[in-house]
Amino acid sequence: RALNFFEGNNKYLFSRSRIYGISI
């Protein structure tokens, strides 16, 4: 299920900025 979520939101996750990732 987690892999399905990752594949479905791949473009969104890979486009996040560095500040966004550090905040998470």
mmCIF file of all heavy atoms, coordinates in Angstrom:
data_MODEL
# 
_entry.id   MODEL 
# 
loop_
_atom_site.group_PDB 
_atom_site.id 
_atom_site.type_symbol 
_atom_site.label_atom_id 
_atom_site.label_alt_id 
_atom_site.label_comp_id 
_atom_site.label_asym_id 
_atom_site.label_entity_id 
_atom_site.label_seq_id 
_atom_site.pdbx_PDB_ins_code 
_atom_site.Cartn_x 
_atom_site.Cartn_y 
_atom_site.Cartn_z 
_atom_site.occupancy 
_atom_site.B_iso_or_equiv 
_atom_site.pdbx_formal_charge 
_atom_site.auth_seq_id 
_atom_site.auth_comp_id 
_atom_site.auth_asym_id 
_atom_site.auth_atom_id 
_atom_site.pdbx_PDB_model_num 
ATOM 1   N N   . ARG A 1 1  ? 0.826  -1.204 0.000   1.00 0.00 ? 1  ARG A N   1 
ATOM 2   C CA  . ARG A 1 1  ? 0.000  0.000  0.000   1.00 0.00 ? 1  ARG A CA  1 
ATOM 3   C C   . ARG A 1 1  ? 0.866  1.262  0.000   1.00 0.00 ? 1  ARG A C   1 
ATOM 4   O O   . ARG A 1 1  ? 0.562  2.247  -0.687  1.00 0.00 ? 1  ARG A O   1 
ATOM 5   C CB  . ARG A 1 1  ? -0.934 0.007  1.214   1.00 0.00 ? 1  ARG A CB  1 
ATOM 6   C CG  . ARG A 1 1  ? -1.951 -1.113 1.250   1.00 0.00 ? 1  ARG A CG  1 
ATOM 7   C CD  . ARG A 1 1  ? -2.798 -1.183 0.000   1.00 0.00 ? 1  ARG A CD  1 
ATOM 8   N NE  . ARG A 1 1  ? -3.515 0.064  -0.217  1.00 0.00 ? 1  ARG A NE  1 
ATOM 9   C CZ  . ARG A 1 1  ? -4.170 0.381  -1.324  1.00 0.00 ? 1  ARG A CZ  1 
ATOM 10  N NH1 . ARG A 1 1  ? -4.145 -0.464 -2.344  1.00 0.00 ? 1  ARG A NH1 1 
ATOM 11  N NH2 . ARG A 1 1  ? -4.815 1.525  -1.439  1.00 0.00 ? 1  ARG A NH2 1 
ATOM 12  N N   . ALA A 1 2  ? 1.937  1.245  0.788   1.00 0.00 ? 2  ALA A N   1 
ATOM 13  C CA  . ALA A 1 2  ? 2.838  2.407  0.823   1.00 0.00 ? 2  ALA A CA  1 
ATOM 14  C C   . ALA A 1 2  ? 3.532  2.591  -0.525  1.00 0.00 ? 2  ALA A C   1 
ATOM 15  O O   . ALA A 1 2  ? 3.716  3.727  -0.988  1.00 0.00 ? 2  ALA A O   1 
ATOM 16  C CB  . ALA A 1 2  ? 3.877  2.230  1.934   1.00 0.00 ? 2  ALA A CB  1 
ATOM 17  N N   . LEU A 1 3  ? 3.907  1.490  -1.179  1.00 0.00 ? 3  LEU A N   1 
ATOM 18  C CA  . LEU A 1 3  ? 4.537  1.581  -2.494  1.00 0.00 ? 3  LEU A CA  1 
ATOM 19  C C   . LEU A 1 3  ? 3.552  2.124  -3.528  1.00 0.00 ? 3  LEU A C   1 
ATOM 20  O O   . LEU A 1 3  ? 3.935  2.922  -4.399  1.00 0.00 ? 3  LEU A O   1 
ATOM 21  C CB  . LEU A 1 3  ? 5.060  0.207  -2.927  1.00 0.00 ? 3  LEU A CB  1 
ATOM 22  C CG  . LEU A 1 3  ? 5.788  0.149  -4.267  1.00 0.00 ? 3  LEU A CG  1 
ATOM 23  C CD1 . LEU A 1 3  ? 7.014  1.056  -4.270  1.00 0.00 ? 3  LEU A CD1 1 
ATOM 24  C CD2 . LEU A 1 3  ? 6.187  -1.287 -4.604  1.00 0.00 ? 3  LEU A CD2 1 
ATOM 25  N N   . ASN A 1 4  ? 2.292  1.703  -3.431  1.00 0.00 ? 4  ASN A N   1 
ATOM 26  C CA  . ASN A 1 4  ? 1.265  2.239  -4.335  1.00 0.00 ? 4  ASN A CA  1 
ATOM 27  C C   . ASN A 1 4  ? 1.118  3.751  -4.158  1.00 0.00 ? 4  ASN A C   1 
ATOM 28  O O   . ASN A 1 4  ? 0.993  4.496  -5.138  1.00 0.00 ? 4  ASN A O   1 
ATOM 29  C CB  . ASN A 1 4  ? -0.081 1.558  -4.075  1.00 0.00 ? 4  ASN A CB  1 
ATOM 30  C CG  . ASN A 1 4  ? -0.126 0.152  -4.630  1.00 0.00 ? 4  ASN A CG  1 
ATOM 31  O OD1 . ASN A 1 4  ? 0.657  -0.221 -5.490  1.00 0.00 ? 4  ASN A OD1 1 
ATOM 32  N ND2 . ASN A 1 4  ? -1.051 -0.646 -4.124  1.00 0.00 ? 4  ASN A ND2 1 
ATOM 33  N N   . PHE A 1 5  ? 1.139  4.208  -2.904  1.00 0.00 ? 5  PHE A N   1 
ATOM 34  C CA  . PHE A 1 5  ? 1.060  5.644  -2.636  1.00 0.00 ? 5  PHE A CA  1 
ATOM 35  C C   . PHE A 1 5  ? 2.273  6.357  -3.226  1.00 0.00 ? 5  PHE A C   1 
ATOM 36  O O   . PHE A 1 5  ? 2.143  7.424  -3.847  1.00 0.00 ? 5  PHE A O   1 
ATOM 37  C CB  . PHE A 1 5  ? 0.993  5.892  -1.129  1.00 0.00 ? 5  PHE A CB  1 
ATOM 38  C CG  . PHE A 1 5  ? 1.145  7.335  -0.740  1.00 0.00 ? 5  PHE A CG  1 
ATOM 39  C CD1 . PHE A 1 5  ? 0.062  8.204  -0.786  1.00 0.00 ? 5  PHE A CD1 1 
ATOM 40  C CD2 . PHE A 1 5  ? 2.383  7.840  -0.332  1.00 0.00 ? 5  PHE A CD2 1 
ATOM 41  C CE1 . PHE A 1 5  ? 0.206  9.539  -0.446  1.00 0.00 ? 5  PHE A CE1 1 
ATOM 42  C CE2 . PHE A 1 5  ? 2.532  9.170  0.008   1.00 0.00 ? 5  PHE A CE2 1 
ATOM 43  C CZ  . PHE A 1 5  ? 1.436  10.025 -0.049  1.00 0.00 ? 5  PHE A CZ  1 
ATOM 44  N N   . PHE A 1 6  ? 3.445  5.772  -3.041  1.00 0.00 ? 6  PHE A N   1 
ATOM 45  C CA  . PHE A 1 6  ? 4.684  6.370  -3.559  1.00 0.00 ? 6  PHE A CA  1 
ATOM 46  C C   . PHE A 1 6  ? 4.646  6.470  -5.077  1.00 0.00 ? 6  PHE A C   1 
ATOM 47  O O   . PHE A 1 6  ? 4.986  7.519  -5.648  1.00 0.00 ? 6  PHE A O   1 
ATOM 48  C CB  . PHE A 1 6  ? 5.884  5.541  -3.104  1.00 0.00 ? 6  PHE A CB  1 
ATOM 49  C CG  . PHE A 1 6  ? 7.191  5.977  -3.692  1.00 0.00 ? 6  PHE A CG  1 
ATOM 50  C CD1 . PHE A 1 6  ? 7.882  7.054  -3.163  1.00 0.00 ? 6  PHE A CD1 1 
ATOM 51  C CD2 . PHE A 1 6  ? 7.737  5.310  -4.791  1.00 0.00 ? 6  PHE A CD2 1 
ATOM 52  C CE1 . PHE A 1 6  ? 9.090  7.466  -3.709  1.00 0.00 ? 6  PHE A CE1 1 
ATOM 53  C CE2 . PHE A 1 6  ? 8.932  5.711  -5.336  1.00 0.00 ? 6  PHE A CE2 1 
ATOM 54  C CZ  . PHE A 1 6  ? 9.614  6.795  -4.799  1.00 0.00 ? 6  PHE A CZ  1 
ATOM 55  N N   . GLU A 1 7  ? 4.230  5.398  -5.746  1.00 0.00 ? 7  GLU A N   1 
ATOM 56  C CA  . GLU A 1 7  ? 4.197  5.403  -7.211  1.00 0.00 ? 7  GLU A CA  1 
ATOM 57  C C   . GLU A 1 7  ? 3.155  6.390  -7.729  1.00 0.00 ? 7  GLU A C   1 
ATOM 58  O O   . GLU A 1 7  ? 3.369  7.069  -8.734  1.00 0.00 ? 7  GLU A O   1 
ATOM 59  C CB  . GLU A 1 7  ? 3.891  4.000  -7.740  1.00 0.00 ? 7  GLU A CB  1 
ATOM 60  C CG  . GLU A 1 7  ? 4.935  2.954  -7.395  1.00 0.00 ? 7  GLU A CG  1 
ATOM 61  C CD  . GLU A 1 7  ? 6.246  3.154  -8.114  1.00 0.00 ? 7  GLU A CD  1 
ATOM 62  O OE1 . GLU A 1 7  ? 6.320  4.032  -8.997  1.00 0.00 ? 7  GLU A OE1 1 
ATOM 63  O OE2 . GLU A 1 7  ? 7.216  2.445  -7.786  1.00 0.00 ? 7  GLU A OE2 1 
ATOM 64  N N   . GLY A 1 8  ? 2.016  6.486  -7.038  1.00 0.00 ? 8  GLY A N   1 
ATOM 65  C CA  . GLY A 1 8  ? 0.967  7.379  -7.478  1.00 0.00 ? 8  GLY A CA  1 
ATOM 66  C C   . GLY A 1 8  ? 1.286  8.849  -7.283  1.00 0.00 ? 8  GLY A C   1 
ATOM 67  O O   . GLY A 1 8  ? 0.715  9.712  -7.972  1.00 0.00 ? 8  GLY A O   1 
ATOM 68  N N   . ASN A 1 9  ? 2.179  9.152  -6.324  1.00 0.00 ? 9  ASN A N   1 
ATOM 69  C CA  . ASN A 1 9  ? 2.531  10.547 -6.025  1.00 0.00 ? 9  ASN A CA  1 
ATOM 70  C C   . ASN A 1 9  ? 4.005  10.823 -6.286  1.00 0.00 ? 9  ASN A C   1 
ATOM 71  O O   . ASN A 1 9  ? 4.587  11.725 -5.681  1.00 0.00 ? 9  ASN A O   1 
ATOM 72  C CB  . ASN A 1 9  ? 2.190  10.867 -4.560  1.00 0.00 ? 9  ASN A CB  1 
ATOM 73  C CG  . ASN A 1 9  ? 0.714  10.735 -4.270  1.00 0.00 ? 9  ASN A CG  1 
ATOM 74  O OD1 . ASN A 1 9  ? -0.069 11.644 -4.479  1.00 0.00 ? 9  ASN A OD1 1 
ATOM 75  N ND2 . ASN A 1 9  ? 0.314  9.562  -3.773  1.00 0.00 ? 9  ASN A ND2 1 
ATOM 76  N N   . ASN A 1 10 ? 4.591  10.013 -7.168  1.00 0.00 ? 10 ASN A N   1 
ATOM 77  C CA  . ASN A 1 10 ? 6.024  10.090 -7.440  1.00 0.00 ? 10 ASN A CA  1 
ATOM 78  C C   . ASN A 1 10 ? 6.454  11.483 -7.893  1.00 0.00 ? 10 ASN A C   1 
ATOM 79  O O   . ASN A 1 10 ? 7.412  12.065 -7.349  1.00 0.00 ? 10 ASN A O   1 
ATOM 80  C CB  . ASN A 1 10 ? 6.380  9.044  -8.507  1.00 0.00 ? 10 ASN A CB  1 
ATOM 81  C CG  . ASN A 1 10 ? 7.862  8.833  -8.638  1.00 0.00 ? 10 ASN A CG  1 
ATOM 82  O OD1 . ASN A 1 10 ? 8.576  9.746  -9.012  1.00 0.00 ? 10 ASN A OD1 1 
ATOM 83  N ND2 . ASN A 1 10 ? 8.310  7.625  -8.325  1.00 0.00 ? 10 ASN A ND2 1 
ATOM 84  N N   . LYS A 1 11 ? 5.761  12.045 -8.862  1.00 0.00 ? 11 LYS A N   1 
ATOM 85  C CA  . LYS A 1 11 ? 6.142  13.350 -9.396  1.00 0.00 ? 11 LYS A CA  1 
ATOM 86  C C   . LYS A 1 11 ? 6.019  14.447 -8.337  1.00 0.00 ? 11 LYS A C   1 
ATOM 87  O O   . LYS A 1 11 ? 6.877  15.336 -8.250  1.00 0.00 ? 11 LYS A O   1 
ATOM 88  C CB  . LYS A 1 11 ? 5.274  13.689 -10.609 1.00 0.00 ? 11 LYS A CB  1 
ATOM 89  C CG  . LYS A 1 11 ? 5.553  12.798 -11.811 1.00 0.00 ? 11 LYS A CG  1 
ATOM 90  C CD  . LYS A 1 11 ? 4.710  13.209 -13.010 1.00 0.00 ? 11 LYS A CD  1 
ATOM 91  C CE  . LYS A 1 11 ? 4.999  12.312 -14.214 1.00 0.00 ? 11 LYS A CE  1 
ATOM 92  N NZ  . LYS A 1 11 ? 4.155  12.684 -15.380 1.00 0.00 ? 11 LYS A NZ  1 
ATOM 93  N N   . TYR A 1 12 ? 4.959  14.373 -7.545  1.00 0.00 ? 12 TYR A N   1 
ATOM 94  C CA  . TYR A 1 12 ? 4.767  15.371 -6.489  1.00 0.00 ? 12 TYR A CA  1 
ATOM 95  C C   . TYR A 1 12 ? 5.887  15.293 -5.450  1.00 0.00 ? 12 TYR A C   1 
ATOM 96  O O   . TYR A 1 12 ? 6.470  16.316 -5.062  1.00 0.00 ? 12 TYR A O   1 
ATOM 97  C CB  . TYR A 1 12 ? 3.410  15.172 -5.820  1.00 0.00 ? 12 TYR A CB  1 
ATOM 98  C CG  . TYR A 1 12 ? 3.181  16.065 -4.618  1.00 0.00 ? 12 TYR A CG  1 
ATOM 99  C CD1 . TYR A 1 12 ? 2.785  17.390 -4.781  1.00 0.00 ? 12 TYR A CD1 1 
ATOM 100 C CD2 . TYR A 1 12 ? 3.371  15.580 -3.325  1.00 0.00 ? 12 TYR A CD2 1 
ATOM 101 C CE1 . TYR A 1 12 ? 2.585  18.215 -3.683  1.00 0.00 ? 12 TYR A CE1 1 
ATOM 102 C CE2 . TYR A 1 12 ? 3.169  16.392 -2.223  1.00 0.00 ? 12 TYR A CE2 1 
ATOM 103 C CZ  . TYR A 1 12 ? 2.774  17.717 -2.413  1.00 0.00 ? 12 TYR A CZ  1 
ATOM 104 O OH  . TYR A 1 12 ? 2.592  18.521 -1.319  1.00 0.00 ? 12 TYR A OH  1 
ATOM 105 N N   . LEU A 1 13 ? 6.209  14.081 -4.999  1.00 0.00 ? 13 LEU A N   1 
ATOM 106 C CA  . LEU A 1 13 ? 7.236  13.905 -3.965  1.00 0.00 ? 13 LEU A CA  1 
ATOM 107 C C   . LEU A 1 13 ? 8.613  14.327 -4.471  1.00 0.00 ? 13 LEU A C   1 
ATOM 108 O O   . LEU A 1 13 ? 9.391  14.949 -3.738  1.00 0.00 ? 13 LEU A O   1 
ATOM 109 C CB  . LEU A 1 13 ? 7.266  12.438 -3.515  1.00 0.00 ? 13 LEU A CB  1 
ATOM 110 C CG  . LEU A 1 13 ? 6.015  11.927 -2.782  1.00 0.00 ? 13 LEU A CG  1 
ATOM 111 C CD1 . LEU A 1 13 ? 6.104  10.429 -2.560  1.00 0.00 ? 13 LEU A CD1 1 
ATOM 112 C CD2 . LEU A 1 13 ? 5.836  12.643 -1.455  1.00 0.00 ? 13 LEU A CD2 1 
ATOM 113 N N   . PHE A 1 14 ? 8.931  14.008 -5.726  1.00 0.00 ? 14 PHE A N   1 
ATOM 114 C CA  . PHE A 1 14 ? 10.242 14.325 -6.273  1.00 0.00 ? 14 PHE A CA  1 
ATOM 115 C C   . PHE A 1 14 ? 10.403 15.811 -6.602  1.00 0.00 ? 14 PHE A C   1 
ATOM 116 O O   . PHE A 1 14 ? 11.530 16.273 -6.808  1.00 0.00 ? 14 PHE A O   1 
ATOM 117 C CB  . PHE A 1 14 ? 10.506 13.490 -7.525  1.00 0.00 ? 14 PHE A CB  1 
ATOM 118 C CG  . PHE A 1 14 ? 10.935 12.082 -7.244  1.00 0.00 ? 14 PHE A CG  1 
ATOM 119 C CD1 . PHE A 1 14 ? 10.751 11.522 -5.988  1.00 0.00 ? 14 PHE A CD1 1 
ATOM 120 C CD2 . PHE A 1 14 ? 11.523 11.302 -8.225  1.00 0.00 ? 14 PHE A CD2 1 
ATOM 121 C CE1 . PHE A 1 14 ? 11.138 10.224 -5.720  1.00 0.00 ? 14 PHE A CE1 1 
ATOM 122 C CE2 . PHE A 1 14 ? 11.923 10.001 -7.966  1.00 0.00 ? 14 PHE A CE2 1 
ATOM 123 C CZ  . PHE A 1 14 ? 11.720 9.462  -6.709  1.00 0.00 ? 14 PHE A CZ  1 
ATOM 124 N N   . SER A 1 15 ? 9.295  16.548 -6.647  1.00 0.00 ? 15 SER A N   1 
ATOM 125 C CA  . SER A 1 15 ? 9.374  17.979 -6.962  1.00 0.00 ? 15 SER A CA  1 
ATOM 126 C C   . SER A 1 15 ? 9.436  18.865 -5.719  1.00 0.00 ? 15 SER A C   1 
ATOM 127 O O   . SER A 1 15 ? 9.563  20.079 -5.829  1.00 0.00 ? 15 SER A O   1 
ATOM 128 C CB  . SER A 1 15 ? 8.160  18.396 -7.807  1.00 0.00 ? 15 SER A CB  1 
ATOM 129 O OG  . SER A 1 15 ? 6.957  18.259 -7.050  1.00 0.00 ? 15 SER A OG  1 
ATOM 130 N N   . ARG A 1 16 ? 9.352  18.256 -4.526  1.00 0.00 ? 16 ARG A N   1 
ATOM 131 C CA  . ARG A 1 16 ? 9.387  19.055 -3.290  1.00 0.00 ? 16 ARG A CA  1 
ATOM 132 C C   . ARG A 1 16 ? 10.762 19.680 -3.089  1.00 0.00 ? 16 ARG A C   1 
ATOM 133 O O   . ARG A 1 16 ? 11.793 19.082 -3.397  1.00 0.00 ? 16 ARG A O   1 
ATOM 134 C CB  . ARG A 1 16 ? 9.044  18.196 -2.077  1.00 0.00 ? 16 ARG A CB  1 
ATOM 135 C CG  . ARG A 1 16 ? 7.622  17.617 -2.061  1.00 0.00 ? 16 ARG A CG  1 
ATOM 136 C CD  . ARG A 1 16 ? 6.548  18.676 -2.166  1.00 0.00 ? 16 ARG A CD  1 
ATOM 137 N NE  . ARG A 1 16 ? 6.204  18.969 -3.554  1.00 0.00 ? 16 ARG A NE  1 
ATOM 138 C CZ  . ARG A 1 16 ? 5.483  20.003 -3.920  1.00 0.00 ? 16 ARG A CZ  1 
ATOM 139 N NH1 . ARG A 1 16 ? 5.058  20.877 -3.024  1.00 0.00 ? 16 ARG A NH1 1 
ATOM 140 N NH2 . ARG A 1 16 ? 5.209  20.188 -5.197  1.00 0.00 ? 16 ARG A NH2 1 
ATOM 141 N N   . SER A 1 17 ? 10.775 20.878 -2.514  1.00 0.00 ? 17 SER A N   1 
ATOM 142 C CA  . SER A 1 17 ? 12.022 21.608 -2.312  1.00 0.00 ? 17 SER A CA  1 
ATOM 143 C C   . SER A 1 17 ? 12.792 21.075 -1.108  1.00 0.00 ? 17 SER A C   1 
ATOM 144 O O   . SER A 1 17 ? 12.265 20.292 -0.305  1.00 0.00 ? 17 SER A O   1 
ATOM 145 C CB  . SER A 1 17 ? 11.726 23.100 -2.097  1.00 0.00 ? 17 SER A CB  1 
ATOM 146 O OG  . SER A 1 17 ? 11.006 23.285 -0.885  1.00 0.00 ? 17 SER A OG  1 
ATOM 147 N N   . ARG A 1 18 ? 14.028 21.537 -0.985  1.00 0.00 ? 18 ARG A N   1 
ATOM 148 C CA  . ARG A 1 18 ? 14.875 21.118 0.134   1.00 0.00 ? 18 ARG A CA  1 
ATOM 149 C C   . ARG A 1 18 ? 14.300 21.574 1.478   1.00 0.00 ? 18 ARG A C   1 
ATOM 150 O O   . ARG A 1 18 ? 14.268 20.791 2.444   1.00 0.00 ? 18 ARG A O   1 
ATOM 151 C CB  . ARG A 1 18 ? 16.278 21.687 -0.051  1.00 0.00 ? 18 ARG A CB  1 
ATOM 152 C CG  . ARG A 1 18 ? 17.271 21.252 1.017   1.00 0.00 ? 18 ARG A CG  1 
ATOM 153 C CD  . ARG A 1 18 ? 18.637 21.831 0.719   1.00 0.00 ? 18 ARG A CD  1 
ATOM 154 N NE  . ARG A 1 18 ? 19.076 21.422 -0.617  1.00 0.00 ? 18 ARG A NE  1 
ATOM 155 C CZ  . ARG A 1 18 ? 20.097 21.990 -1.260  1.00 0.00 ? 18 ARG A CZ  1 
ATOM 156 N NH1 . ARG A 1 18 ? 20.747 22.995 -0.711  1.00 0.00 ? 18 ARG A NH1 1 
ATOM 157 N NH2 . ARG A 1 18 ? 20.443 21.563 -2.455  1.00 0.00 ? 18 ARG A NH2 1 
ATOM 158 N N   . ILE A 1 19 ? 13.816 22.798 1.536   1.00 0.00 ? 19 ILE A N   1 
ATOM 159 C CA  . ILE A 1 19 ? 13.239 23.317 2.786   1.00 0.00 ? 19 ILE A CA  1 
ATOM 160 C C   . ILE A 1 19 ? 12.026 22.496 3.196   1.00 0.00 ? 19 ILE A C   1 
ATOM 161 O O   . ILE A 1 19 ? 11.831 22.190 4.383   1.00 0.00 ? 19 ILE A O   1 
ATOM 162 C CB  . ILE A 1 19 ? 12.847 24.805 2.622   1.00 0.00 ? 19 ILE A CB  1 
ATOM 163 C CG1 . ILE A 1 19 ? 14.092 25.649 2.351   1.00 0.00 ? 19 ILE A CG1 1 
ATOM 164 C CG2 . ILE A 1 19 ? 12.128 25.319 3.871   1.00 0.00 ? 19 ILE A CG2 1 
ATOM 165 C CD1 . ILE A 1 19 ? 15.118 25.633 3.462   1.00 0.00 ? 19 ILE A CD1 1 
ATOM 166 N N   . TYR A 1 20 ? 11.203 22.145 2.226   1.00 0.00 ? 20 TYR A N   1 
ATOM 167 C CA  . TYR A 1 20 ? 10.015 21.337 2.501   1.00 0.00 ? 20 TYR A CA  1 
ATOM 168 C C   . TYR A 1 20 ? 10.427 19.982 3.098   1.00 0.00 ? 20 TYR A C   1 
ATOM 169 O O   . TYR A 1 20 ? 9.846  19.527 4.087   1.00 0.00 ? 20 TYR A O   1 
ATOM 170 C CB  . TYR A 1 20 ? 9.229  21.124 1.206   1.00 0.00 ? 20 TYR A CB  1 
ATOM 171 C CG  . TYR A 1 20 ? 7.953  20.332 1.375   1.00 0.00 ? 20 TYR A CG  1 
ATOM 172 C CD1 . TYR A 1 20 ? 6.759  20.965 1.666   1.00 0.00 ? 20 TYR A CD1 1 
ATOM 173 C CD2 . TYR A 1 20 ? 7.960  18.945 1.223   1.00 0.00 ? 20 TYR A CD2 1 
ATOM 174 C CE1 . TYR A 1 20 ? 5.583  20.235 1.809   1.00 0.00 ? 20 TYR A CE1 1 
ATOM 175 C CE2 . TYR A 1 20 ? 6.797  18.211 1.361   1.00 0.00 ? 20 TYR A CE2 1 
ATOM 176 C CZ  . TYR A 1 20 ? 5.614  18.858 1.649   1.00 0.00 ? 20 TYR A CZ  1 
ATOM 177 O OH  . TYR A 1 20 ? 4.459  18.119 1.803   1.00 0.00 ? 20 TYR A OH  1 
ATOM 178 N N   . GLY A 1 21 ? 11.425 19.332 2.495   1.00 0.00 ? 21 GLY A N   1 
ATOM 179 C CA  . GLY A 1 21 ? 11.875 18.031 2.983   1.00 0.00 ? 21 GLY A CA  1 
ATOM 180 C C   . GLY A 1 21 ? 12.449 18.107 4.380   1.00 0.00 ? 21 GLY A C   1 
ATOM 181 O O   . GLY A 1 21 ? 12.153 17.262 5.241   1.00 0.00 ? 21 GLY A O   1 
ATOM 182 N N   . ILE A 1 22 ? 13.277 19.126 4.644   1.00 0.00 ? 22 ILE A N   1 
ATOM 183 C CA  . ILE A 1 22 ? 13.862 19.283 5.977   1.00 0.00 ? 22 ILE A CA  1 
ATOM 184 C C   . ILE A 1 22 ? 12.767 19.544 7.014   1.00 0.00 ? 22 ILE A C   1 
ATOM 185 O O   . ILE A 1 22 ? 12.826 19.032 8.144   1.00 0.00 ? 22 ILE A O   1 
ATOM 186 C CB  . ILE A 1 22 ? 14.903 20.421 5.969   1.00 0.00 ? 22 ILE A CB  1 
ATOM 187 C CG1 . ILE A 1 22 ? 16.104 20.038 5.092   1.00 0.00 ? 22 ILE A CG1 1 
ATOM 188 C CG2 . ILE A 1 22 ? 15.368 20.750 7.382   1.00 0.00 ? 22 ILE A CG2 1 
ATOM 189 C CD1 . ILE A 1 22 ? 17.111 21.144 4.895   1.00 0.00 ? 22 ILE A CD1 1 
ATOM 190 N N   . SER A 1 23 ? 11.753 20.310 6.631   1.00 0.00 ? 23 SER A N   1 
ATOM 191 C CA  . SER A 1 23 ? 10.634 20.597 7.543   1.00 0.00 ? 23 SER A CA  1 
ATOM 192 C C   . SER A 1 23 ? 9.892  19.313 7.909   1.00 0.00 ? 23 SER A C   1 
ATOM 193 O O   . SER A 1 23 ? 9.500  19.126 9.072   1.00 0.00 ? 23 SER A O   1 
ATOM 194 C CB  . SER A 1 23 ? 9.669  21.595 6.907   1.00 0.00 ? 23 SER A CB  1 
ATOM 195 O OG  . SER A 1 23 ? 10.323 22.813 6.610   1.00 0.00 ? 23 SER A OG  1 
ATOM 196 N N   . ILE A 1 24 ? 9.698  18.435 6.922   1.00 0.00 ? 24 ILE A N   1 
ATOM 197 C CA  . ILE A 1 24 ? 9.017  17.154 7.188   1.00 0.00 ? 24 ILE A CA  1 
ATOM 198 C C   . ILE A 1 24 ? 9.831  16.302 8.159   1.00 0.00 ? 24 ILE A C   1 
ATOM 199 O O   . ILE A 1 24 ? 9.283  15.696 9.089   1.00 0.00 ? 24 ILE A O   1 
ATOM 200 C CB  . ILE A 1 24 ? 8.790  16.386 5.866   1.00 0.00 ? 24 ILE A CB  1 
ATOM 201 C CG1 . ILE A 1 24 ? 7.754  17.109 5.002   1.00 0.00 ? 24 ILE A CG1 1 
ATOM 202 C CG2 . ILE A 1 24 ? 8.327  14.963 6.141   1.00 0.00 ? 24 ILE A CG2 1 
ATOM 203 C CD1 . ILE A 1 24 ? 6.371  17.180 5.596   1.00 0.00 ? 24 ILE A CD1 1 
# 
